[in-house]
C-alpha cells in the first residue's frame, strides 16, 4: 500500500498522524509491488515530492497511464493539498498530484 503520512513524536509517542496521499484502493491488485518504495524530498516552497515505483510482471505498462499511480513522481503541498500549477491537474482522468511519469523503478 502506497501512502504518505506525517505526524509528530511527543514524549516518545507518535501522535497527530495524518495521511497526506494514498493510492486509491482500485489501483491495488494481487500482484506484488516490484518497486513500490519511495523517495521523499522537500523544496523551499512547501512542496513534498515522492515517487511510486512499478507493480510486478506486466503491470509496468501503467507507468504511462496518468490514471494509475505506478511509475510516477508526485508533488503535493506539505499539508496534502495539490499545487495549483501541477502539470496534469486539469487533465481528465489524471491523478492531480502527478509531477512526472513514465519512470521504471
Protein backbone atom coordinates (compact mmCIF):
# COMPACT_ATOMS: atom_id res chain seq x y z
CA UNK A 1 0.00 0.00 0.00
CA UNK A 2 1.47 3.32 -1.04
CA UNK A 3 0.76 6.10 1.36
CA UNK A 4 2.48 9.27 2.57
CA UNK A 5 1.82 10.01 6.24
CA UNK A 6 3.00 12.76 8.53
CA UNK A 7 2.85 13.08 12.27
CA UNK A 8 4.84 14.15 15.28
CA UNK A 9 6.71 12.48 18.06
CA UNK A 10 5.94 13.86 21.52
CA UNK A 11 7.22 12.27 24.70
CA UNK A 12 8.37 9.24 22.71
CA UNK A 13 4.92 8.66 21.17
CA UNK A 14 3.79 9.00 17.55
CA UNK A 15 0.85 11.45 17.51
CA UNK A 16 -1.22 13.61 15.15
CA UNK A 17 -0.96 11.12 12.29
CA UNK A 18 -2.34 12.47 9.02
CA UNK A 19 -2.44 10.74 5.62
CA UNK A 20 -1.30 13.27 3.02
CA UNK A 21 -1.59 10.96 -0.01
CA UNK A 22 -2.72 7.41 -0.62
CA UNK A 23 -3.20 5.41 -3.80
CA UNK A 24 -6.85 4.58 -4.47
CA UNK A 25 -7.85 1.07 -3.45
CA UNK A 26 -8.93 0.41 -7.06
CA UNK A 27 -5.27 0.53 -8.13
CA UNK A 28 -4.35 -2.43 -5.95
CA UNK A 29 -4.15 -5.95 -7.30
CA UNK A 30 -2.82 -9.34 -6.17
CA UNK A 31 0.45 -8.53 -7.97
CA UNK A 32 3.20 -7.56 -5.51
CA UNK A 33 4.94 -4.22 -5.74
CA UNK A 34 8.23 -4.64 -7.58
CA UNK A 35 9.42 -1.17 -6.70
CA UNK A 36 6.64 0.25 -4.57
CA UNK A 37 9.02 2.09 -2.31
CA UNK A 38 9.54 5.79 -2.46
CA UNK A 39 11.94 8.63 -2.11
CA UNK A 40 10.71 11.74 -0.39
CA UNK A 41 12.14 15.23 -0.92
CA UNK A 42 11.12 18.72 0.12
CA UNK A 43 11.72 22.07 -1.51
CA UNK A 44 11.84 25.56 -0.02
CA UNK A 45 8.35 26.41 -1.36
CA UNK A 46 6.48 23.94 0.87
CA UNK A 47 6.20 21.10 -1.64
CA UNK A 48 6.75 17.42 -0.99
CA UNK A 49 7.98 15.24 -3.85
CA UNK A 50 7.72 11.45 -3.69
CA UNK A 51 7.95 8.56 -6.10
CA UNK A 52 5.84 5.45 -6.53
CA UNK A 53 7.51 2.50 -8.26
CA UNK A 54 6.14 -0.03 -10.71
CA UNK A 55 3.97 -3.03 -9.99
CA UNK A 56 5.02 -6.57 -10.86
CA UNK A 57 5.13 -8.50 -14.09
CA UNK A 58 3.05 -6.92 -16.82
CA UNK A 59 1.77 -4.04 -14.73
CA UNK A 60 4.71 -1.83 -15.65
CA UNK A 61 2.54 -0.70 -18.56
CA UNK A 62 0.72 1.56 -16.10
CA UNK A 63 3.70 3.87 -15.95
CA UNK A 64 2.37 5.79 -18.99
CA UNK A 65 -1.25 5.82 -17.71
CA UNK A 66 -1.98 9.06 -15.85
CA UNK A 67 -4.90 7.44 -14.01
CA UNK A 68 -2.54 4.95 -12.30
CA UNK A 69 -0.01 5.78 -9.57
CA UNK A 70 2.74 3.40 -10.74
CA UNK A 71 5.95 4.81 -12.15
CA UNK A 72 5.19 8.38 -11.17
CA UNK A 73 6.76 11.21 -9.25
CA UNK A 74 4.20 13.22 -7.30
CA UNK A 75 4.26 16.77 -5.97
CA UNK A 76 1.89 17.89 -3.24
CA UNK A 77 1.92 20.72 -0.73
CA UNK A 78 3.18 19.85 2.73
CA UNK A 79 -0.42 19.96 4.03
CA UNK A 80 -1.52 17.32 1.48
CA UNK A 81 -3.25 19.72 -0.92
CA UNK A 82 -2.37 19.79 -4.61
CA UNK A 83 -0.36 22.72 -6.01
CA UNK A 84 -2.38 24.78 -8.49
CA UNK A 85 0.41 24.60 -11.09
CA UNK A 86 0.87 20.82 -11.21
CA UNK A 87 1.16 19.85 -14.89
CA UNK A 88 -1.74 17.34 -15.06
CA UNK A 89 -4.13 19.00 -12.63
CA UNK A 90 -6.69 19.90 -15.30
CA UNK A 91 -6.30 16.77 -17.44
CA UNK A 92 -9.35 14.49 -17.34
CA UNK A 93 -8.64 11.16 -15.66
CA UNK A 94 -5.16 12.12 -14.47
CA UNK A 95 -4.16 11.91 -10.83
CA UNK A 96 -3.77 15.58 -9.85
CA UNK A 97 -0.60 15.10 -7.81
CA UNK A 98 1.47 13.75 -10.72
CA UNK A 99 4.59 15.79 -11.39
CA UNK A 100 6.26 13.43 -13.88
CA UNK A 101 5.53 9.97 -15.24
CA UNK A 102 6.91 7.04 -17.19
CA UNK A 103 9.55 6.04 -14.64
CA UNK A 104 10.69 2.49 -14.06
CA UNK A 105 11.91 1.61 -10.59
